[in-house]
Protein backbone atom coordinates (compact mmCIF):
# COMPACT_ATOMS: atom_id res chain seq x y z
CA MET A 1 168.40 167.18 130.10
CA GLN A 2 167.18 163.61 129.51
CA GLN A 3 163.42 163.16 129.17
CA VAL A 4 161.42 160.01 129.81
CA SER A 5 160.90 157.94 126.66
CA LEU A 6 157.41 158.53 125.30
CA ASP A 7 157.16 154.83 124.46
CA ILE A 8 157.88 153.84 128.07
CA MET A 9 155.60 156.55 129.40
CA GLU A 10 152.69 155.35 127.29
CA PHE A 11 153.20 151.77 128.51
CA ILE A 12 153.30 152.83 132.16
CA GLU A 13 150.29 155.12 131.91
CA ARG A 14 148.18 152.48 130.16
CA ASN A 15 149.21 149.35 132.06
CA ILE A 16 150.71 150.22 135.44
CA LEU A 17 149.38 153.46 136.91
CA PRO A 18 145.68 152.44 136.78
CA LYS A 19 146.45 149.66 139.29
CA TYR A 20 146.99 152.33 141.97
CA ASN A 21 143.30 153.21 141.90
CA ASP A 22 142.74 150.13 144.10
CA PHE A 23 145.11 151.20 146.89
CA GLY A 24 143.14 153.97 148.63
CA LYS A 25 144.13 157.57 149.16
CA SER A 26 147.32 156.98 151.13
CA HIS A 27 148.99 154.83 148.44
CA GLY A 28 146.86 155.65 145.43
CA LEU A 29 147.37 157.35 142.10
CA GLN A 30 148.09 160.77 143.57
CA HIS A 31 150.86 159.27 145.71
CA VAL A 32 152.58 157.37 142.91
CA MET A 33 152.46 160.45 140.66
CA ARG A 34 154.24 162.45 143.37
CA VAL A 35 156.89 159.73 143.69
CA ILE A 36 157.37 159.70 139.91
CA ASP A 37 157.75 163.49 139.75
CA ASN A 38 160.20 163.47 142.67
CA SER A 39 162.19 160.61 141.12
CA ILE A 40 162.56 162.41 137.80
CA GLN A 41 163.78 165.55 139.56
CA LEU A 42 166.29 163.57 141.63
CA ALA A 43 167.48 161.67 138.55
CA HIS A 44 168.23 164.99 136.87
CA GLN A 45 169.96 166.23 140.04
CA THR A 46 172.16 163.13 140.35
CA GLY A 47 172.75 162.36 136.67
CA ALA A 48 170.90 159.03 136.85
CA ASP A 49 169.05 157.43 133.94
CA VAL A 50 165.60 159.05 133.93
CA ASN A 51 163.87 156.07 132.29
CA ILE A 52 165.08 153.68 134.99
CA ALA A 53 164.13 156.08 137.78
CA TYR A 54 160.70 156.59 136.22
CA VAL A 55 159.87 152.89 135.92
CA VAL A 56 161.16 152.09 139.42
CA ALA A 57 158.90 154.80 140.83
CA ALA A 58 155.92 153.52 138.84
CA TYR A 59 156.30 149.96 140.19
CA HIS A 60 157.41 150.77 143.75
CA ASP A 61 154.06 150.22 145.51
CA LEU A 62 152.36 147.64 143.26
CA GLY A 63 152.84 145.13 146.07
CA MET A 64 150.16 146.97 148.05
CA SER A 65 147.84 144.49 146.32
CA GLY A 66 149.04 142.05 149.00
CA PRO A 67 150.25 142.31 152.62
CA ARG A 68 151.60 145.78 153.41
CA ALA A 69 154.46 144.44 155.55
CA ILE A 70 156.14 142.83 152.53
CA HIS A 71 154.79 145.10 149.80
CA HIS A 72 158.29 146.26 148.83
CA ILE A 73 159.39 142.65 148.22
CA THR A 74 156.20 141.88 146.30
CA SER A 75 156.64 145.02 144.20
CA GLY A 76 160.15 143.93 143.27
CA LYS A 77 158.85 140.54 142.18
CA ILE A 78 156.14 142.16 140.07
CA LEU A 79 158.71 144.31 138.28
CA SER A 80 161.21 141.50 137.69
CA SER A 81 158.54 139.16 136.35
CA ASP A 82 157.11 141.72 133.91
CA ASN A 83 158.75 140.55 130.68
CA ARG A 84 157.34 143.52 128.79
CA LEU A 85 160.08 145.66 130.34
CA LYS A 86 162.74 143.67 128.45
CA LYS A 87 161.81 145.74 125.41
CA TRP A 88 163.67 148.69 126.97
CA PHE A 89 165.98 147.35 129.69
CA SER A 90 168.78 144.78 129.96
CA ASP A 91 168.80 141.96 132.51
CA ASP A 92 171.36 143.85 134.60
CA GLN A 93 169.22 146.98 134.57
CA LEU A 94 166.13 145.00 135.56
CA ARG A 95 168.03 143.45 138.48
CA ILE A 96 169.06 146.90 139.69
CA MET A 97 165.47 148.12 139.27
CA LYS A 98 164.09 145.16 141.26
CA GLU A 99 166.56 145.82 144.07
CA ALA A 100 165.71 149.54 144.03
CA VAL A 101 162.01 148.78 144.48
CA GLU A 102 162.82 146.34 147.31
CA ASP A 103 164.97 148.97 149.04
CA HIS A 104 162.49 151.85 148.97
CA ARG A 105 160.76 151.16 152.28
CA ALA A 106 161.44 153.75 154.99
CA SER A 107 161.84 151.12 157.72
CA SER A 108 164.42 149.12 155.75
CA SER A 109 167.29 147.92 157.95
CA HIS A 110 169.91 148.58 155.26
CA ALA A 111 170.85 151.39 152.93
CA PRO A 112 169.62 151.11 149.33
CA ARG A 113 172.03 149.08 147.21
CA SER A 114 172.17 151.51 144.28
CA LEU A 115 171.61 155.11 143.33
CA TYR A 116 168.19 154.14 141.99
CA GLY A 117 167.21 152.65 145.33
CA LYS A 118 168.26 155.89 146.99
CA ILE A 119 166.28 157.93 144.46
CA VAL A 120 163.00 156.06 144.91
CA ALA A 121 163.47 155.85 148.68
CA GLU A 122 163.99 159.60 148.80
CA ALA A 123 161.17 160.28 146.34
CA ASP A 124 158.80 158.11 148.38
CA ARG A 125 159.57 160.24 151.40
CA ASP A 126 157.60 163.17 150.05
CA LEU A 127 158.16 165.19 153.19
CA ASP A 128 155.88 168.07 152.45
CA PRO A 129 154.42 168.43 155.97
CA GLU A 130 150.81 168.67 154.74
CA THR A 131 151.26 165.51 152.68
CA VAL A 132 152.91 163.57 155.52
CA PHE A 133 150.25 164.42 158.08
CA THR A 134 147.35 163.91 155.66
CA ARG A 135 148.54 160.50 154.45
CA ALA A 136 149.00 159.31 158.05
CA VAL A 137 145.44 160.29 158.99
CA GLU A 138 144.06 158.79 155.77
CA TYR A 139 145.87 155.52 156.38
CA GLY A 140 144.42 155.22 159.88
CA LEU A 141 140.89 155.87 158.66
CA GLU A 142 141.22 153.44 155.75
CA ASN A 143 142.87 150.56 157.58
CA GLU A 144 141.54 150.88 161.14
CA PRO A 145 138.05 152.32 160.59
CA THR A 146 136.68 150.98 163.89
CA LYS A 147 138.96 153.25 165.93
CA ASN A 148 137.31 156.37 167.35
CA LYS A 149 138.86 159.83 167.05
CA GLU A 150 140.95 159.57 170.20
CA GLU A 151 142.27 156.16 169.18
CA GLN A 152 143.10 157.53 165.74
CA TRP A 153 144.99 160.39 167.40
CA LYS A 154 147.05 157.97 169.50
CA ARG A 155 147.88 155.90 166.39
CA PHE A 156 148.81 159.05 164.46
CA GLN A 157 150.99 160.41 167.28
CA LYS A 158 152.77 157.08 167.74
CA HIS A 159 153.46 156.77 164.02
CA MET A 160 154.80 160.32 163.80
CA ASN A 161 157.20 159.79 166.68
CA GLU A 162 158.40 156.38 165.52
CA LYS A 163 159.02 157.44 161.92
CA TYR A 164 159.63 161.19 161.67
CA SER A 165 160.90 162.47 165.04
CA CYS A 166 164.56 163.21 165.73
CA ASN A 167 164.88 159.61 166.93
CA GLY A 168 162.69 158.18 164.14
CA TYR A 169 163.71 155.49 161.71
CA ILE A 170 163.39 157.51 158.52
CA HIS A 171 166.63 158.11 156.60
CA LEU A 172 167.40 160.56 153.82
CA TRP A 173 169.77 159.33 151.12
CA ILE A 174 170.27 162.22 148.68
CA PRO A 175 172.28 165.11 150.13
CA GLY A 176 170.76 168.52 149.43
CA SER A 177 167.33 167.19 148.54
CA PRO A 178 164.25 169.29 149.40
CA ASN A 179 163.30 166.70 152.01
CA ALA A 180 165.92 167.81 154.53
CA ASN A 181 164.30 171.18 155.28
CA ASN A 182 160.82 169.67 155.25
CA LEU A 183 161.84 166.97 157.73
CA LYS A 184 163.11 169.64 160.11
CA THR A 185 159.74 171.40 159.93
CA ILE A 186 157.93 168.13 160.65
CA GLN A 187 160.20 167.38 163.59
CA ASN A 188 159.56 170.82 165.08
CA ILE A 189 155.80 170.18 164.94
CA ILE A 190 156.13 166.66 166.38
CA SER A 191 158.14 167.99 169.31
CA ASP A 192 155.18 170.18 170.33
CA ASP A 193 152.15 168.04 171.26
CA GLU A 194 149.76 170.97 170.92
CA LEU A 195 150.92 171.77 167.39
CA LEU A 196 150.79 168.13 166.37
CA ARG A 197 147.31 167.69 167.84
CA ALA A 198 146.13 170.79 165.97
CA GLU A 199 147.36 169.33 162.68
CA PHE A 200 145.62 166.04 163.42
CA GLU A 201 142.33 167.72 164.37
CA ARG A 202 142.29 169.86 161.23
CA ILE A 203 142.96 166.99 158.85
CA TYR A 204 140.78 164.45 160.68
CA ASP A 205 137.77 166.76 160.66
CA LYS A 206 138.27 167.47 156.96
CA GLU A 207 138.54 163.76 156.08
CA ILE A 208 135.44 162.87 158.09
CA VAL A 209 133.42 165.58 156.31
CA GLU A 210 134.60 164.38 152.90
C-alpha cells in the first residue's frame, strides 16, 4: 500500500496546513485534516496516486482566504502557481491537481474531470452526521453573527434542505464510499423537522456556551 512521501508531507505540514488556522472552525485545520485522511483512504480504495490525492486535499480550501463563492477557483490558482510543487510533480500532474481542486465544490454544475477531483470532492463531503450538522451551525455563527437563534435555525434548515435532502444538490462520486450510508442517515433526520430542530438546538447551545 502506497504511503505519502515523507518529503512532501513535511513540506505540506510546514508551509500549507498552518494557513487553515485563519479560516475558522467550519473550514479550519480540523476540517482539512479530515479531508486529507478521507482522500488517502479513497486513494487506496481506488488505486490512485496517494501523493497527488494528499496534496490536492491539502490545497483544496486555501481559497477561503478570499471570497467563499469562488474559493475553489482561487484554491486551484494557488496550487498551480506554487512552483515548489514542481519538485515532485510534472506539469501534467499539476494541471490535473489544479482541476481537481477546482472541481471539489459540492454545488459544482459538472462532474469532476478526473479521479482526483472525485476523490477530493467525496473526501470534502465528510458526511458524518455530527460533523455535517456542527459545521453548518458553526458557519452560521461565524459568518452571520448578528442573526438571533431563530434566524440561525431558519438558515440551518434551509441549507440542510438545499444541500443534503433527497432533492439536494450534493453528489457522491465514489461508489461504495462510507458517505452513502451517512447521507441516508442525514436525509432521514432532515425529513423530520422535530429531529432536525433537536440536532440544531443541541449543537447551537453547545457552541454558544463554548
